[in-house]
């Protein structure tokens, strides 16, 4: 599987809300630098897996709509919209946020991420 396919499969799976599935996609030494509308975060593997568990608890379901997916060898850029359904209102889907991420892959795993997001 090439780098572009790895990233596409990651976002099209439920890995953002499933830490066990996420763990199959991420490198043991992963870091994610995240600039959001609320500030800057630097997340390691343990923190990303914890975030996945928190998203699963907070939302009934989620779906990623990929708008752009560009690759140059082991560097992949993805622009996407994250849609969610809350536990309180599982019948209505809403946009959580818009994201753009540049991923560097190592050993066919997500290794270094540089992400920007804006709440909807």
Protein backbone atom coordinates (compact mmCIF):
# COMPACT_ATOMS: atom_id res chain seq x y z
CA UNK A 1 0.00 0.00 0.00
CA UNK A 2 1.40 3.43 -0.89
CA UNK A 3 1.41 6.45 1.44
CA UNK A 4 -1.64 8.05 -0.16
CA UNK A 5 -3.66 4.85 0.29
CA UNK A 6 -2.60 4.57 3.95
CA UNK A 7 -3.82 8.10 4.71
CA UNK A 8 -7.05 7.61 2.73
CA UNK A 9 -7.76 4.32 4.53
CA UNK A 10 -7.06 5.94 7.91
CA UNK A 11 -9.60 8.72 7.39
CA UNK A 12 -12.21 6.52 5.70
CA UNK A 13 -12.11 4.05 8.59
CA UNK A 14 -13.42 4.80 12.07
CA UNK A 15 -9.87 5.18 13.41
CA UNK A 16 -10.45 8.73 14.70
CA UNK A 17 -12.95 7.29 17.22
CA UNK A 18 -11.46 3.84 17.70
CA UNK A 19 -8.12 3.77 19.49
CA UNK A 20 -7.51 0.08 18.72
CA UNK A 21 -7.99 0.72 15.00
CA UNK A 22 -6.01 3.97 15.20
CA UNK A 23 -3.12 2.06 16.75
CA UNK A 24 -2.80 -0.05 13.56
CA UNK A 25 -2.22 3.11 11.48
CA UNK A 26 0.17 5.10 13.68
CA UNK A 27 3.91 4.75 14.18
CA UNK A 28 5.12 4.11 17.76
CA UNK A 29 7.04 7.43 17.66
CA UNK A 30 4.23 9.52 16.13
CA UNK A 31 3.86 13.22 16.89
CA UNK A 32 1.12 15.57 15.74
CA UNK A 33 1.59 19.34 15.83
CA UNK A 34 -1.94 20.75 15.85
CA UNK A 35 -2.76 24.42 15.36
CA UNK A 36 -6.46 24.87 16.08
CA UNK A 37 -8.77 27.83 16.52
CA UNK A 38 -8.33 27.17 20.26
CA UNK A 39 -4.52 27.07 20.33
CA UNK A 40 -1.54 24.78 19.76
CA UNK A 41 -1.24 21.13 20.80
CA UNK A 42 1.67 18.73 20.48
CA UNK A 43 0.36 15.18 20.75
CA UNK A 44 2.28 11.92 21.07
CA UNK A 45 1.03 8.37 20.49
CA UNK A 46 -0.49 7.94 23.95
CA UNK A 47 -2.31 11.28 23.73
CA UNK A 48 -3.67 10.54 20.25
CA UNK A 49 -5.03 7.19 21.36
CA UNK A 50 -6.65 8.87 24.37
CA UNK A 51 -8.20 11.48 22.06
CA UNK A 52 -9.71 8.66 19.99
CA UNK A 53 -11.31 7.18 23.11
CA UNK A 54 -12.68 10.62 24.08
CA UNK A 55 -14.20 11.14 20.62
CA UNK A 56 -15.91 7.75 20.86
CA UNK A 57 -17.44 8.72 24.21
CA UNK A 58 -18.51 12.17 23.02
CA UNK A 59 -20.09 11.34 19.66
CA UNK A 60 -22.56 8.71 18.49
CA UNK A 61 -20.78 8.53 15.12
CA UNK A 62 -18.46 10.48 12.88
CA UNK A 63 -17.63 10.65 9.20
CA UNK A 64 -14.76 12.27 7.33
CA UNK A 65 -15.37 13.87 3.95
CA UNK A 66 -12.05 14.15 2.10
CA UNK A 67 -11.88 17.21 -0.16
CA UNK A 68 -8.24 16.96 -1.29
CA UNK A 69 -5.66 14.20 -1.04
CA UNK A 70 -2.19 14.90 -2.47
CA UNK A 71 0.93 12.78 -2.21
CA UNK A 72 4.64 13.15 -2.93
CA UNK A 73 6.41 9.89 -2.03
CA UNK A 74 6.03 9.50 1.78
CA UNK A 75 4.42 12.94 2.34
CA UNK A 76 0.63 13.17 2.08
CA UNK A 77 -1.57 16.23 2.45
CA UNK A 78 -5.25 15.77 3.21
CA UNK A 79 -7.97 18.40 3.51
CA UNK A 80 -11.19 17.16 5.05
CA UNK A 81 -14.39 18.01 6.87
CA UNK A 82 -15.23 16.05 10.01
CA UNK A 83 -18.96 15.38 10.42
CA UNK A 84 -20.39 14.09 13.69
CA UNK A 85 -23.64 12.92 15.25
CA UNK A 86 -23.97 13.65 18.94
CA UNK A 87 -25.20 11.12 21.47
CA UNK A 88 -28.02 13.50 22.40
CA UNK A 89 -29.15 13.93 18.77
CA UNK A 90 -28.03 10.87 16.81
CA UNK A 91 -30.46 11.60 13.98
CA UNK A 92 -28.79 14.83 12.90
CA UNK A 93 -25.33 15.06 11.38
CA UNK A 94 -23.39 18.31 11.80
CA UNK A 95 -19.97 19.59 10.84
CA UNK A 96 -17.53 19.53 13.73
CA UNK A 97 -14.55 21.20 12.01
CA UNK A 98 -12.49 21.60 8.86
CA UNK A 99 -8.93 20.22 8.78
CA UNK A 100 -5.81 20.20 6.69
CA UNK A 101 -2.99 17.83 7.63
CA UNK A 102 0.42 17.12 6.19
CA UNK A 103 1.51 13.60 7.10
CA UNK A 104 4.98 12.11 6.86
CA UNK A 105 4.86 8.32 6.79
CA UNK A 106 7.54 5.99 8.09
CA UNK A 107 7.36 2.19 7.86
CA UNK A 108 3.91 2.62 6.20
CA UNK A 109 2.57 4.31 9.34
CA UNK A 110 1.58 7.90 10.21
CA UNK A 111 4.77 9.32 11.73
CA UNK A 112 4.81 13.15 11.75
CA UNK A 113 1.67 15.24 11.37
CA UNK A 114 1.21 18.97 10.94
CA UNK A 115 -2.47 19.85 11.30
CA UNK A 116 -4.58 22.99 11.21
CA UNK A 117 -8.26 23.07 12.05
CA UNK A 118 -11.13 25.48 12.35
CA UNK A 119 -14.37 24.76 14.15
CA UNK A 120 -17.45 24.97 11.99
